[in-house]
Amino acid sequence: MKIAQRIQTIPPYLFAEIDKKKEEAIKKGVDIINLGIGDPDQPT
């Protein structure tokens, strides 16, 4: 199947790229602190 040219020009998903960089850093031994949303239905 041939993929349309306009699909090939779509940039990669930003958060997928961030996850890749995070995993690379973890493999190198960098301590990563995740400040993600967590569990929003629980009080902070």
PDB file of N, CA and C in Angstrom:
ATOM      1  N   MET A   1       0.845  -1.171   0.000  1.00  0.00           N
ATOM      2  CA  MET A   1       0.000   0.000   0.000  1.00  0.00           C
ATOM      3  C   MET A   1       0.898   1.245   0.000  1.00  0.00           C
ATOM      4  N   LYS A   2       0.581   2.192  -0.847  1.00  0.00           N
ATOM      5  CA  LYS A   2       1.328   3.438  -0.912  1.00  0.00           C
ATOM      6  C   LYS A   2       0.713   4.447   0.056  1.00  0.00           C
ATOM      7  N   ILE A   3       1.574   5.072   0.854  1.00  0.00           N
ATOM      8  CA  ILE A   3       1.112   6.065   1.824  1.00  0.00           C
ATOM      9  C   ILE A   3       1.096   7.433   1.152  1.00  0.00           C
ATOM     10  N   ALA A   4       0.026   8.188   1.379  1.00  0.00           N
ATOM     11  CA  ALA A   4      -0.124   9.508   0.773  1.00  0.00           C
ATOM     12  C   ALA A   4       1.001  10.440   1.225  1.00  0.00           C
ATOM     13  N   GLN A   5       1.430  11.301   0.335  1.00  0.00           N
ATOM     14  CA  GLN A   5       2.519  12.241   0.623  1.00  0.00           C
ATOM     15  C   GLN A   5       2.180  13.140   1.810  1.00  0.00           C
ATOM     16  N   ARG A   6       0.932  13.587   1.914  1.00  0.00           N
ATOM     17  CA  ARG A   6       0.561  14.496   3.009  1.00  0.00           C
ATOM     18  C   ARG A   6       0.669  13.817   4.371  1.00  0.00           C
ATOM     19  N   ILE A   7       0.490  12.507   4.419  1.00  0.00           N
ATOM     20  CA  ILE A   7       0.646  11.776   5.677  1.00  0.00           C
ATOM     21  C   ILE A   7       2.116  11.728   6.080  1.00  0.00           C
ATOM     22  N   GLN A   8       2.994  11.617   5.108  1.00  0.00           N
ATOM     23  CA  GLN A   8       4.426  11.533   5.387  1.00  0.00           C
ATOM     24  C   GLN A   8       4.994  12.846   5.909  1.00  0.00           C
ATOM     25  N   THR A   9       4.283  13.950   5.728  1.00  0.00           N
ATOM     26  CA  THR A   9       4.770  15.250   6.189  1.00  0.00           C
ATOM     27  C   THR A   9       4.278  15.608   7.590  1.00  0.00           C
ATOM     28  N   ILE A  10       3.437  14.776   8.176  1.00  0.00           N
ATOM     29  CA  ILE A  10       2.940  15.038   9.529  1.00  0.00           C
ATOM     30  C   ILE A  10       4.089  14.821  10.511  1.00  0.00           C
ATOM     31  N   PRO A  11       4.352  15.801  11.385  1.00  0.00           N
ATOM     32  CA  PRO A  11       5.450  15.639  12.342  1.00  0.00           C
ATOM     33  C   PRO A  11       5.117  14.559  13.374  1.00  0.00           C
ATOM     34  N   PRO A  12       6.132  14.003  14.021  1.00  0.00           N
ATOM     35  CA  PRO A  12       5.872  12.978  15.036  1.00  0.00           C
ATOM     36  C   PRO A  12       5.117  13.572  16.228  1.00  0.00           C
ATOM     37  N   TYR A  13       4.390  12.713  16.917  1.00  0.00           N
ATOM     38  CA  TYR A  13       3.630  13.127  18.099  1.00  0.00           C
ATOM     39  C   TYR A  13       4.609  13.578  19.181  1.00  0.00           C
ATOM     40  N   LEU A  14       4.471  14.792  19.673  1.00  0.00           N
ATOM     41  CA  LEU A  14       5.416  15.393  20.610  1.00  0.00           C
ATOM     42  C   LEU A  14       5.644  14.533  21.846  1.00  0.00           C
ATOM     43  N   PHE A  15       4.574  14.036  22.449  1.00  0.00           N
ATOM     44  CA  PHE A  15       4.730  13.297  23.697  1.00  0.00           C
ATOM     45  C   PHE A  15       5.379  11.937  23.477  1.00  0.00           C
ATOM     46  N   ALA A  16       5.229  11.365  22.302  1.00  0.00           N
ATOM     47  CA  ALA A  16       5.938  10.127  21.976  1.00  0.00           C
ATOM     48  C   ALA A  16       7.434  10.405  21.882  1.00  0.00           C
ATOM     49  N   GLU A  17       7.802  11.539  21.311  1.00  0.00           N
ATOM     50  CA  GLU A  17       9.214  11.919  21.220  1.00  0.00           C
ATOM     51  C   GLU A  17       9.790  12.180  22.613  1.00  0.00           C
ATOM     52  N   ILE A  18       9.021  12.827  23.467  1.00  0.00           N
ATOM     53  CA  ILE A  18       9.470  13.078  24.840  1.00  0.00           C
ATOM     54  C   ILE A  18       9.666  11.757  25.570  1.00  0.00           C
ATOM     55  N   ASP A  19       8.751  10.808  25.391  1.00  0.00           N
ATOM     56  CA  ASP A  19       8.888   9.492  26.020  1.00  0.00           C
ATOM     57  C   ASP A  19      10.148   8.778  25.553  1.00  0.00           C
ATOM     58  N   LYS A  20      10.477   8.889  24.274  1.00  0.00           N
ATOM     59  CA  LYS A  20      11.702   8.271  23.758  1.00  0.00           C
ATOM     60  C   LYS A  20      12.930   8.863  24.438  1.00  0.00           C
ATOM     61  N   LYS A  21      12.966  10.188  24.546  1.00  0.00           N
ATOM     62  CA  LYS A  21      14.099  10.855  25.188  1.00  0.00           C
ATOM     63  C   LYS A  21      14.179  10.485  26.665  1.00  0.00           C
ATOM     64  N   LYS A  22      13.021  10.365  27.310  1.00  0.00           N
ATOM     65  CA  LYS A  22      12.989   9.984  28.722  1.00  0.00           C
ATOM     66  C   LYS A  22      13.555   8.584  28.904  1.00  0.00           C
ATOM     67  N   GLU A  23      13.142   7.648  28.064  1.00  0.00           N
ATOM     68  CA  GLU A  23      13.633   6.271  28.157  1.00  0.00           C
ATOM     69  C   GLU A  23      15.137   6.198  27.901  1.00  0.00           C
ATOM     70  N   GLU A  24      15.632   6.979  26.955  1.00  0.00           N
ATOM     71  CA  GLU A  24      17.070   7.020  26.691  1.00  0.00           C
ATOM     72  C   GLU A  24      17.823   7.511  27.921  1.00  0.00           C
ATOM     73  N   ALA A  25      17.299   8.549  28.569  1.00  0.00           N
ATOM     74  CA  ALA A  25      17.948   9.092  29.761  1.00  0.00           C
ATOM     75  C   ALA A  25      17.933   8.073  30.898  1.00  0.00           C
ATOM     76  N   ILE A  26      16.824   7.373  31.075  1.00  0.00           N
ATOM     77  CA  ILE A  26      16.722   6.361  32.131  1.00  0.00           C
ATOM     78  C   ILE A  26      17.740   5.253  31.894  1.00  0.00           C
ATOM     79  N   LYS A  27      17.903   4.829  30.637  1.00  0.00           N
ATOM     80  CA  LYS A  27      18.884   3.788  30.309  1.00  0.00           C
ATOM     81  C   LYS A  27      20.306   4.234  30.627  1.00  0.00           C
ATOM     82  N   LYS A  28      20.558   5.554  30.570  1.00  0.00           N
ATOM     83  CA  LYS A  28      21.882   6.094  30.885  1.00  0.00           C
ATOM     84  C   LYS A  28      22.065   6.301  32.385  1.00  0.00           C
ATOM     85  N   GLY A  29      21.021   6.021  33.162  1.00  0.00           N
ATOM     86  CA  GLY A  29      21.119   6.142  34.611  1.00  0.00           C
ATOM     87  C   GLY A  29      20.654   7.467  35.177  1.00  0.00           C
ATOM     88  N   VAL A  30      20.048   8.293  34.358  1.00  0.00           N
ATOM     89  CA  VAL A  30      19.549   9.587  34.831  1.00  0.00           C
ATOM     90  C   VAL A  30      18.285   9.357  35.652  1.00  0.00           C
ATOM     91  N   ASP A  31      18.215  10.002  36.822  1.00  0.00           N
ATOM     92  CA  ASP A  31      17.034   9.892  37.679  1.00  0.00           C
ATOM     93  C   ASP A  31      15.979  10.873  37.172  1.00  0.00           C
ATOM     94  N   ILE A  32      14.867  10.358  36.680  1.00  0.00           N
ATOM     95  CA  ILE A  32      13.802  11.179  36.099  1.00  0.00           C
ATOM     96  C   ILE A  32      12.660  11.316  37.104  1.00  0.00           C
ATOM     97  N   ILE A  33      12.224  12.543  37.320  1.00  0.00           N
ATOM     98  CA  ILE A  33      11.064  12.800  38.174  1.00  0.00           C
ATOM     99  C   ILE A  33       9.881  13.084  37.258  1.00  0.00           C
ATOM    100  N   ASN A  34       8.843  12.249  37.349  1.00  0.00           N
ATOM    101  CA  ASN A  34       7.667  12.398  36.504  1.00  0.00           C
ATOM    102  C   ASN A  34       6.685  13.353  37.174  1.00  0.00           C
ATOM    103  N   LEU A  35       6.447  14.478  36.542  1.00  0.00           N
ATOM    104  CA  LEU A  35       5.496  15.460  37.063  1.00  0.00           C
ATOM    105  C   LEU A  35       4.199  15.421  36.265  1.00  0.00           C
ATOM    106  N   GLY A  36       3.857  14.223  35.781  1.00  0.00           N
ATOM    107  CA  GLY A  36       2.630  14.032  35.018  1.00  0.00           C
ATOM    108  C   GLY A  36       1.407  14.269  35.879  1.00  0.00           C
ATOM    109  N   ILE A  37       0.249  14.207  35.260  1.00  0.00           N
ATOM    110  CA  ILE A  37      -1.003  14.535  35.926  1.00  0.00           C
ATOM    111  C   ILE A  37      -1.335  13.587  37.077  1.00  0.00           C
ATOM    112  N   GLY A  38      -0.920  12.342  36.999  1.00  0.00           N
ATOM    113  CA  GLY A  38      -1.187  11.407  38.081  1.00  0.00           C
ATOM    114  C   GLY A  38      -2.640  10.982  38.125  1.00  0.00           C
ATOM    115  N   ASP A  39      -3.258  11.097  39.294  1.00  0.00           N
ATOM    116  CA  ASP A  39      -4.629  10.649  39.498  1.00  0.00           C
ATOM    117  C   ASP A  39      -5.489  11.865  39.842  1.00  0.00           C
ATOM    118  N   PRO A  40      -6.073  12.535  38.848  1.00  0.00           N
ATOM    119  CA  PRO A  40      -6.737  13.811  39.088  1.00  0.00           C
ATOM    120  C   PRO A  40      -8.002  13.746  39.941  1.00  0.00           C
ATOM    121  N   ASP A  41      -8.533  12.547  40.194  1.00  0.00           N
ATOM    122  CA  ASP A  41      -9.744  12.489  41.012  1.00  0.00           C
ATOM    123  C   ASP A  41      -9.430  12.408  42.509  1.00  0.00           C
ATOM    124  N   GLN A  42      -8.149  12.389  42.860  1.00  0.00           N
ATOM    125  CA  GLN A  42      -7.744  12.349  44.263  1.00  0.00           C
ATOM    126  C   GLN A  42      -7.283  13.740  44.699  1.00  0.00           C
ATOM    127  N   PRO A  43      -7.666  14.160  45.898  1.00  0.00           N
ATOM    128  CA  PRO A  43      -7.214  15.476  46.374  1.00  0.00           C
ATOM    129  C   PRO A  43      -5.694  15.493  46.557  1.00  0.00           C
ATOM    130  N   THR A  44      -5.109  16.672  46.404  1.00  0.00           N
ATOM    131  CA  THR A  44      -3.654  16.800  46.570  1.00  0.00           C
ATOM    132  C   THR A  44      -3.300  17.417  47.890  1.00  0.00           C
TER     133      THR A  44
END
